[in-house]
Protein backbone atom coordinates (compact mmCIF):
# COMPACT_ATOMS: atom_id res chain seq x y z
CA UNK A 1 44.27 -48.92 49.25
CA UNK A 2 46.36 -46.71 47.03
CA UNK A 3 46.01 -43.30 47.19
CA UNK A 4 45.17 -41.62 43.54
CA UNK A 5 47.63 -38.89 43.18
CA UNK A 6 45.31 -36.88 41.10
CA UNK A 7 42.35 -36.87 43.52
CA UNK A 8 42.30 -34.18 46.07
CA UNK A 9 42.38 -35.19 49.92
CA UNK A 10 40.52 -33.45 52.89
CA UNK A 11 40.50 -34.02 56.69
CA UNK A 12 37.85 -33.13 59.03
CA UNK A 13 39.46 -31.73 61.69
CA UNK A 14 38.29 -32.64 65.55
CA UNK A 15 36.39 -35.66 66.14
CA UNK A 16 33.83 -37.52 64.34
CA UNK A 17 31.25 -40.08 65.49
CA UNK A 18 32.98 -43.08 64.10
CA UNK A 19 29.20 -45.21 64.31
CA UNK A 20 28.85 -43.38 61.26
CA UNK A 21 28.84 -44.78 57.98
CA UNK A 22 28.92 -43.78 54.23
CA UNK A 23 25.65 -42.08 54.16
CA UNK A 24 26.33 -40.32 57.55
CA UNK A 25 29.88 -39.15 56.66
CA UNK A 26 28.80 -38.27 53.04
CA UNK A 27 26.38 -35.93 54.56
CA UNK A 28 28.95 -34.19 56.67
CA UNK A 29 31.00 -33.96 53.49
CA UNK A 30 28.08 -32.24 51.81
CA UNK A 31 27.50 -29.95 54.52
CA UNK A 32 31.35 -28.76 54.72
CA UNK A 33 32.68 -29.07 51.04
CA UNK A 34 31.87 -26.76 48.29
CA UNK A 35 32.34 -29.55 45.48
CA UNK A 36 30.51 -31.94 47.68
CA UNK A 37 30.74 -35.98 48.04
CA UNK A 38 30.75 -36.81 44.48
CA UNK A 39 33.81 -34.93 43.30
CA UNK A 40 36.03 -37.94 43.68
CA UNK A 41 38.24 -36.39 46.52
CA UNK A 42 39.13 -38.53 49.44
CA UNK A 43 37.25 -37.46 52.80
CA UNK A 44 39.49 -38.40 56.07
CA UNK A 45 37.85 -38.72 59.34
CA UNK A 46 39.19 -39.50 62.60
CA UNK A 47 37.16 -40.82 66.03
CA UNK A 48 37.46 -39.37 69.55
CA UNK A 49 39.93 -42.19 70.95
CA UNK A 50 42.00 -41.53 67.83
CA UNK A 51 42.47 -44.99 67.00
CA UNK A 52 39.93 -45.30 64.38
CA UNK A 53 40.22 -43.36 60.86
CA UNK A 54 38.06 -43.74 58.12
CA UNK A 55 38.27 -42.65 54.44
CA UNK A 56 35.30 -41.85 52.37
CA UNK A 57 35.45 -41.29 48.39
CA UNK A 58 33.39 -41.61 45.44
CA UNK A 59 34.78 -43.90 42.49
CA UNK A 60 31.97 -42.86 39.98
CA UNK A 61 29.83 -45.94 40.49
CA UNK A 62 29.40 -45.68 44.29
CA UNK A 63 30.89 -44.64 47.49
CA UNK A 64 33.92 -46.76 49.12
CA UNK A 65 34.68 -46.40 52.66
CA UNK A 66 38.38 -47.56 54.27
CA UNK A 67 38.93 -47.91 57.84
CA UNK A 68 41.99 -48.46 59.95
CA UNK A 69 41.92 -49.34 63.38
CA UNK A 70 44.92 -49.05 65.32
CA UNK A 71 45.38 -51.55 68.56
CA UNK A 72 47.87 -50.08 70.79
CA UNK A 73 48.43 -46.75 69.80
CA UNK A 74 46.94 -43.57 68.63
CA UNK A 75 47.07 -41.43 65.27
CA UNK A 76 48.15 -37.90 65.89
CA UNK A 77 45.02 -35.41 65.14
CA UNK A 78 44.13 -31.72 66.31
CA UNK A 79 41.39 -31.95 68.84
CA UNK A 80 39.61 -28.64 67.91
CA UNK A 81 37.71 -27.70 64.52
CA UNK A 82 34.90 -29.33 62.51
CA UNK A 83 36.25 -27.65 58.74
CA UNK A 84 37.81 -29.62 56.30
CA UNK A 85 41.44 -28.95 55.52
CA UNK A 86 43.35 -30.18 52.32
CA UNK A 87 46.59 -32.18 52.61
CA UNK A 88 48.71 -33.80 50.57
CA UNK A 89 49.11 -37.62 49.53
CA UNK A 90 52.48 -37.28 51.28
CA UNK A 91 50.91 -36.02 54.39
CA UNK A 92 48.24 -39.01 54.30
CA UNK A 93 51.29 -41.40 54.17
CA UNK A 94 53.20 -39.83 56.84
CA UNK A 95 49.81 -39.98 59.30
CA UNK A 96 49.24 -43.46 58.70
CA UNK A 97 53.01 -44.21 59.86
CA UNK A 98 51.97 -42.15 62.92
CA UNK A 99 53.82 -39.13 62.61
CA UNK A 100 52.61 -35.60 63.53
CA UNK A 101 51.80 -33.91 60.00
CA UNK A 102 50.50 -30.74 62.02
CA UNK A 103 53.58 -29.92 64.05
CA UNK A 104 56.22 -30.10 60.85
CA UNK A 105 58.81 -27.23 61.19
CA UNK A 106 57.34 -24.08 59.76
CA UNK A 107 59.50 -22.70 56.90
CA UNK A 108 61.71 -19.82 57.53
CA UNK A 109 62.49 -16.74 55.51
CA UNK A 110 65.40 -14.50 56.29
CA UNK A 111 66.75 -11.57 54.36
CA UNK A 112 70.30 -11.84 55.94
CA UNK A 113 72.49 -14.13 57.91
CA UNK A 114 73.51 -10.99 60.39
């Protein structure tokens, strides 16, 4: 799967029932995203075990559902929340590699060194 740089990417924080398929996931997007599931954005969902990730998107002719299941590890993922949060393409790539994008160093701003 190639992630189109022009499309927005949203993650649903917390855990999603991975028994849900296209219709069930699209319904979640419809309830939580003002632009709705037909916007062309990517929507990422995570199962409770944090081993299964699903990405849903509309490609103008129908829905596509991409799934990745880890065999021996788990994805970093925040346990709390049900809202959608926007992330960047680069963050998705880091997430797929197993890096915790939610624990990145926070930017520091100082006005002097002393």
